[in-house]
C-alpha atoms as a PDB file:
ATOM      1  CA  MET A   1      50.268-171.681  64.604  1.00  0.00           C
ATOM      2  CA  ALA A   2      53.040-174.203  65.421  1.00  0.00           C
ATOM      3  CA  ARG A   3      56.618-172.935  65.148  1.00  0.00           C
ATOM      4  CA  ARG A   4      59.180-175.114  63.596  1.00  0.00           C
ATOM      5  CA  ALA A   5      62.703-174.767  62.380  1.00  0.00           C
ATOM      6  CA  ALA A   6      63.412-174.885  58.605  1.00  0.00           C
ATOM      7  CA  PRO A   7      65.039-178.179  57.571  1.00  0.00           C
ATOM      8  CA  PRO A   8      68.804-178.142  56.973  1.00  0.00           C
ATOM      9  CA  GLY A   9      69.594-177.089  53.434  1.00  0.00           C
ATOM     10  CA  THR A  10      66.474-174.792  53.168  1.00  0.00           C
ATOM     11  CA  ARG A  11      67.241-171.969  50.753  1.00  0.00           C
ATOM     12  CA  THR A  12      63.881-170.278  50.415  1.00  0.00           C
ATOM     13  CA  LEU A  13      60.901-169.574  52.754  1.00  0.00           C
ATOM     14  CA  TRP A  14      57.492-168.634  51.480  1.00  0.00           C
ATOM     15  CA  ALA A  15      54.821-167.101  53.552  1.00  0.00           C
ATOM     16  CA  ARG A  16      51.019-166.398  53.360  1.00  0.00           C
ATOM     17  CA  GLU A  17      48.419-165.113  55.788  1.00  0.00           C
ATOM     18  CA  ARG A  18      46.161-168.240  55.402  1.00  0.00           C
ATOM     19  CA  PRO A  19      46.842-171.877  54.315  1.00  0.00           C
ATOM     20  CA  ASP A  20      44.587-171.263  51.242  1.00  0.00           C
ATOM     21  CA  GLY A  21      45.824-167.688  50.563  1.00  0.00           C
ATOM     22  CA  PRO A  22      48.257-166.412  47.983  1.00  0.00           C
ATOM     23  CA  TRP A  23      51.942-166.515  48.637  1.00  0.00           C
ATOM     24  CA  LEU A  24      52.898-162.875  49.917  1.00  0.00           C
ATOM     25  CA  LEU A  25      56.561-163.193  50.851  1.00  0.00           C
ATOM     26  CA  ASP A  26      59.649-164.953  49.370  1.00  0.00           C
ATOM     27  CA  VAL A  27      62.634-164.970  51.750  1.00  0.00           C
ATOM     28  CA  LYS A  28      66.013-166.170  50.513  1.00  0.00           C
ATOM     29  CA  LEU A  29      68.366-167.767  52.981  1.00  0.00           C
ATOM     30  CA  GLU A  30      71.938-167.171  51.844  1.00  0.00           C
ATOM     31  CA  ARG A  31      75.459-167.988  52.912  1.00  0.00           C
ATOM     32  CA  VAL A  32      77.413-165.116  54.407  1.00  0.00           C
ATOM     33  CA  GLU A  33      81.114-165.326  55.563  1.00  0.00           C
ATOM     34  CA  ALA A  34      83.058-162.476  56.976  1.00  0.00           C
ATOM     35  CA  GLY A  35      80.530-159.905  55.790  1.00  0.00           C
ATOM     36  CA  GLU A  36      80.509-161.365  52.156  1.00  0.00           C
ATOM     37  CA  TRP A  37      77.488-162.826  50.532  1.00  0.00           C
ATOM     38  CA  ILE A  38      78.370-165.911  48.606  1.00  0.00           C
ATOM     39  CA  TYR A  39      76.401-167.044  45.536  1.00  0.00           C
ATOM     40  CA  ARG A  40      75.125-170.556  46.294  1.00  0.00           C
ATOM     41  CA  ARG A  41      75.480-171.806  42.766  1.00  0.00           C
ATOM     42  CA  ASN A  42      79.142-170.802  42.400  1.00  0.00           C
ATOM     43  CA  GLU A  43      81.378-169.733  45.365  1.00  0.00           C
ATOM     44  CA  GLY A  44      83.517-167.714  42.859  1.00  0.00           C
ATOM     45  CA  VAL A  45      80.808-165.145  42.953  1.00  0.00           C
ATOM     46  CA  SER A  46      80.523-162.965  45.999  1.00  0.00           C
ATOM     47  CA  ARG A  47      79.859-159.467  47.111  1.00  0.00           C
ATOM     48  CA  PRO A  48      80.037-157.381  50.360  1.00  0.00           C
ATOM     49  CA  LEU A  49      76.745-158.028  52.172  1.00  0.00           C
ATOM     50  CA  ASP A  50      75.991-154.387  52.440  1.00  0.00           C
ATOM     51  CA  GLU A  51      76.092-154.072  48.632  1.00  0.00           C
ATOM     52  CA  ILE A  52      73.539-156.763  47.737  1.00  0.00           C
ATOM     53  CA  GLY A  53      70.359-154.892  48.626  1.00  0.00           C
ATOM     54  CA  ILE A  54      68.404-151.753  47.798  1.00  0.00           C
ATOM     55  CA  GLU A  55      65.272-150.186  49.137  1.00  0.00           C
ATOM     56  CA  LEU A  56      62.278-149.741  46.900  1.00  0.00           C
ATOM     57  CA  SER A  57      59.618-147.533  48.559  1.00  0.00           C
ATOM     58  CA  GLY A  58      60.945-148.490  51.911  1.00  0.00           C
ATOM     59  CA  VAL A  59      60.971-152.208  51.156  1.00  0.00           C
ATOM     60  CA  PRO A  60      64.310-154.093  51.088  1.00  0.00           C
ATOM     61  CA  ALA A  61      65.008-155.938  47.957  1.00  0.00           C
ATOM     62  CA  LEU A  62      67.899-157.612  46.114  1.00  0.00           C
ATOM     63  CA  ARG A  63      69.788-155.438  43.627  1.00  0.00           C
ATOM     64  CA  PRO A  64      68.604-155.991  40.046  1.00  0.00           C
ATOM     65  CA  GLU A  65      71.891-157.412  38.900  1.00  0.00           C
ATOM     66  CA  ILE A  66      71.721-160.124  41.620  1.00  0.00           C
ATOM     67  CA  VAL A  67      68.154-160.963  40.574  1.00  0.00           C
ATOM     68  CA  LEU A  68      69.319-161.400  37.027  1.00  0.00           C
ATOM     69  CA  LEU A  69      72.202-163.571  38.314  1.00  0.00           C
ATOM     70  CA  TYR A  70      69.730-165.887  40.000  1.00  0.00           C
ATOM     71  CA  LEU A  71      67.618-165.964  36.833  1.00  0.00           C
ATOM     72  CA  SER A  72      70.693-167.297  35.056  1.00  0.00           C
ATOM     73  CA  GLY A  73      70.212-170.578  36.876  1.00  0.00           C
ATOM     74  CA  SER A  74      66.551-170.754  35.731  1.00  0.00           C
ATOM     75  CA  GLN A  75      65.225-173.966  34.214  1.00  0.00           C
ATOM     76  CA  HIS A  76      63.879-171.784  31.469  1.00  0.00           C
ATOM     77  CA  PRO A  77      66.848-170.223  29.594  1.00  0.00           C
ATOM     78  CA  HIS A  78      64.540-168.251  27.122  1.00  0.00           C
ATOM     79  CA  ASP A  79      63.125-166.423  30.106  1.00  0.00           C
ATOM     80  CA  VAL A  80      66.589-165.500  31.332  1.00  0.00           C
ATOM     81  CA  HIS A  81      67.739-164.221  27.945  1.00  0.00           C
ATOM     82  CA  ALA A  82      64.518-162.152  27.593  1.00  0.00           C
ATOM     83  CA  ALA A  83      64.832-160.748  31.150  1.00  0.00           C
ATOM     84  CA  TYR A  84      68.538-159.942  30.622  1.00  0.00           C
ATOM     85  CA  ARG A  85      67.864-158.084  27.368  1.00  0.00           C
ATOM     86  CA  GLU A  86      64.901-156.257  28.888  1.00  0.00           C
ATOM     87  CA  ARG A  87      66.678-155.201  32.124  1.00  0.00           C
ATOM     88  CA  VAL A  88      70.475-154.949  31.414  1.00  0.00           C
ATOM     89  CA  GLY A  89      70.048-151.524  29.749  1.00  0.00           C
ATOM     90  CA  GLN A  90      68.568-150.230  32.940  1.00  0.00           C
ATOM     91  CA  LEU A  91      71.600-151.155  35.094  1.00  0.00           C
ATOM     92  CA  ASP A  92      74.173-148.570  35.875  1.00  0.00           C
ATOM     93  CA  PRO A  93      77.647-149.224  34.385  1.00  0.00           C
ATOM     94  CA  PRO A  94      79.094-150.742  37.693  1.00  0.00           C
ATOM     95  CA  ALA A  95      76.070-153.060  38.156  1.00  0.00           C
ATOM     96  CA  ARG A  96      76.254-154.204  34.458  1.00  0.00           C
ATOM     97  CA  ARG A  97      80.019-154.819  34.740  1.00  0.00           C
ATOM     98  CA  TRP A  98      79.495-156.825  37.898  1.00  0.00           C
ATOM     99  CA  LEU A  99      76.724-158.907  36.369  1.00  0.00           C
ATOM    100  CA  ASP A 100      78.752-159.588  33.216  1.00  0.00           C
ATOM    101  CA  GLU A 101      81.671-160.750  35.323  1.00  0.00           C
ATOM    102  CA  ALA A 102      79.482-162.894  37.556  1.00  0.00           C
ATOM    103  CA  LEU A 103      77.861-164.476  34.526  1.00  0.00           C
ATOM    104  CA  ALA A 104      81.183-165.223  32.956  1.00  0.00           C
ATOM    105  CA  ILE A 105      82.297-166.982  36.169  1.00  0.00           C
ATOM    106  CA  VAL A 106      79.197-169.171  36.407  1.00  0.00           C
ATOM    107  CA  GLY A 107      79.381-169.859  32.601  1.00  0.00           C
ATOM    108  CA  ALA A 108      75.922-168.402  31.884  1.00  0.00           C
ATOM    109  CA  ARG A 109      77.114-166.134  28.986  1.00  0.00           C
END
């Protein structure tokens, strides 16, 4: 397989085992400055890099409140509101507070 660099401005990489196979991996490429993750849709939202991830059965993943923040920029607002209502009650109080503040900054609430 040929190796090539991602074009400038690439924000997501998808991977699969075979050209005709299902997508297996979604990798987000994000801006980080001085140890702070910066939300690409609004620089007013940031968080220490060591606070954006969790481990689920040994697999690194974004924290749920950050996933919900990304959904706030979805092209399908009804999906966002349904996901928010379904998941927000599962967030611990600090995560819910952070998400509410972030959504207020980006104007999604």
